[in-house]
């Protein structure tokens, strides 16, 4: 299993970023893709999930400011983030939860929001 996030960077408050999660090594279309984030000295928290058919669900952390999607043919999931705030600064991760084998994580991509 390999999950590779990209698209992070430095953005000003109020700006937007779209993160990507490129997947390989498993049946992409069979799994929810989960997005989490972890700020310095904070626990990792859920952001959003996209089901195999594309149905999204959002945690309260960024609800209303993010859109999660996927392209099963390309084996890529996306997290579009709008109206970013300084407190959104974190490392963002994609992951899948595999029966018996547990959760597999990508390496994360840093998002830094400046004021």
Protein backbone atom coordinates (compact mmCIF):
# COMPACT_ATOMS: atom_id res chain seq x y z
CA UNK A 1 0.00 0.00 0.00
CA UNK A 2 1.31 3.42 -0.91
CA UNK A 3 -0.41 6.75 -0.34
CA UNK A 4 1.33 9.93 -1.44
CA UNK A 5 -0.04 13.34 -0.55
CA UNK A 6 0.86 16.47 -2.47
CA UNK A 7 -0.33 20.01 -2.96
CA UNK A 8 0.54 21.48 0.41
CA UNK A 9 2.35 24.77 0.77
CA UNK A 10 2.23 28.28 2.13
CA UNK A 11 -0.96 30.26 1.62
CA UNK A 12 -2.35 33.46 3.07
CA UNK A 13 -5.36 33.48 5.32
CA UNK A 14 -8.50 33.34 3.20
CA UNK A 15 -6.75 31.47 0.43
CA UNK A 16 -7.35 28.03 -1.04
CA UNK A 17 -5.40 24.86 -1.64
CA UNK A 18 -6.23 21.52 -3.17
CA UNK A 19 -4.44 18.48 -1.82
CA UNK A 20 -4.06 15.24 -3.72
CA UNK A 21 -3.62 11.68 -2.51
CA UNK A 22 -2.21 9.28 -5.09
CA UNK A 23 -2.73 5.63 -4.21
CA UNK A 24 -1.24 2.34 -5.29
CA UNK A 25 -0.92 -1.21 -4.07
CA UNK A 26 -4.55 -1.89 -3.20
CA UNK A 27 -8.01 -1.91 -4.75
CA UNK A 28 -8.58 1.83 -4.62
CA UNK A 29 -12.24 1.63 -5.56
CA UNK A 30 -13.03 -0.59 -2.59
CA UNK A 31 -11.96 1.78 0.16
CA UNK A 32 -13.02 4.96 1.85
CA UNK A 33 -10.25 7.54 1.64
CA UNK A 34 -9.88 9.46 4.87
CA UNK A 35 -8.22 12.82 5.37
CA UNK A 36 -6.79 13.83 8.73
CA UNK A 37 -4.59 16.64 9.92
CA UNK A 38 -2.19 17.17 12.76
CA UNK A 39 -1.02 20.53 14.02
CA UNK A 40 2.09 20.86 16.20
CA UNK A 41 1.43 19.60 19.74
CA UNK A 42 -2.08 18.50 18.77
CA UNK A 43 -3.67 15.12 18.21
CA UNK A 44 -4.39 13.94 14.70
CA UNK A 45 -7.97 14.84 13.84
CA UNK A 46 -10.38 13.85 11.13
CA UNK A 47 -11.14 16.26 8.34
CA UNK A 48 -13.15 14.39 5.72
CA UNK A 49 -13.89 11.02 4.13
CA UNK A 50 -14.86 10.09 0.61
CA UNK A 51 -16.56 6.74 0.07
CA UNK A 52 -15.82 4.53 -2.95
CA UNK A 53 -18.81 5.89 -4.84
CA UNK A 54 -17.86 9.49 -4.08
CA UNK A 55 -20.17 10.21 -1.15
CA UNK A 56 -18.42 12.72 1.12
CA UNK A 57 -18.59 13.17 4.84
CA UNK A 58 -17.01 15.96 6.84
CA UNK A 59 -15.83 16.42 10.37
CA UNK A 60 -16.68 19.59 12.20
CA UNK A 61 -13.05 20.74 12.09
CA UNK A 62 -13.34 22.21 8.58
CA UNK A 63 -16.94 21.61 7.63
CA UNK A 64 -18.24 24.12 5.10
CA UNK A 65 -14.75 25.01 3.91
CA UNK A 66 -13.61 21.72 2.39
CA UNK A 67 -14.74 19.50 -0.44
CA UNK A 68 -13.50 15.94 -0.72
CA UNK A 69 -13.63 13.99 -3.98
CA UNK A 70 -11.96 11.14 -5.81
CA UNK A 71 -11.19 9.82 -9.27
CA UNK A 72 -11.21 6.04 -9.13
CA UNK A 73 -9.84 5.69 -12.64
CA UNK A 74 -6.80 7.80 -11.74
CA UNK A 75 -6.58 6.36 -8.21
CA UNK A 76 -6.44 9.83 -6.71
CA UNK A 77 -8.41 11.53 -3.96
CA UNK A 78 -8.62 15.28 -3.48
CA UNK A 79 -9.21 17.66 -0.61
CA UNK A 80 -10.14 21.15 -1.72
CA UNK A 81 -9.79 23.66 1.09
CA UNK A 82 -11.18 27.17 0.95
CA UNK A 83 -11.12 30.22 3.19
CA UNK A 84 -8.12 28.84 5.01
CA UNK A 85 -7.34 30.13 8.48
CA UNK A 86 -4.10 30.33 10.42
CA UNK A 87 -5.40 27.58 12.69
CA UNK A 88 -5.64 25.25 9.69
CA UNK A 89 -1.85 25.07 9.67
CA UNK A 90 -1.02 21.38 10.01
CA UNK A 91 0.31 18.32 8.26
CA UNK A 92 -2.48 16.77 6.23
CA UNK A 93 -2.63 13.02 5.72
CA UNK A 94 -4.68 10.63 3.65
CA UNK A 95 -5.24 7.08 4.83
CA UNK A 96 -7.23 3.92 4.42
CA UNK A 97 -8.44 1.54 7.11
CA UNK A 98 -7.81 -2.06 6.12
CA UNK A 99 -9.58 -4.96 7.80
CA UNK A 100 -7.08 -7.06 9.77
CA UNK A 101 -4.13 -4.88 8.79
CA UNK A 102 -5.11 -1.58 10.32
CA UNK A 103 -4.75 1.92 8.99
CA UNK A 104 -2.24 2.82 6.32
CA UNK A 105 -1.09 6.44 6.16
CA UNK A 106 0.66 8.59 3.65
CA UNK A 107 3.67 10.65 4.64
CA UNK A 108 1.63 13.85 4.87
CA UNK A 109 1.86 17.24 3.24
CA UNK A 110 2.46 20.47 5.14
CA UNK A 111 -0.08 23.25 4.89
CA UNK A 112 0.95 26.58 6.38
CA UNK A 113 -1.49 29.47 6.52
CA UNK A 114 -0.08 32.90 7.20
CA UNK A 115 -1.97 35.89 8.54
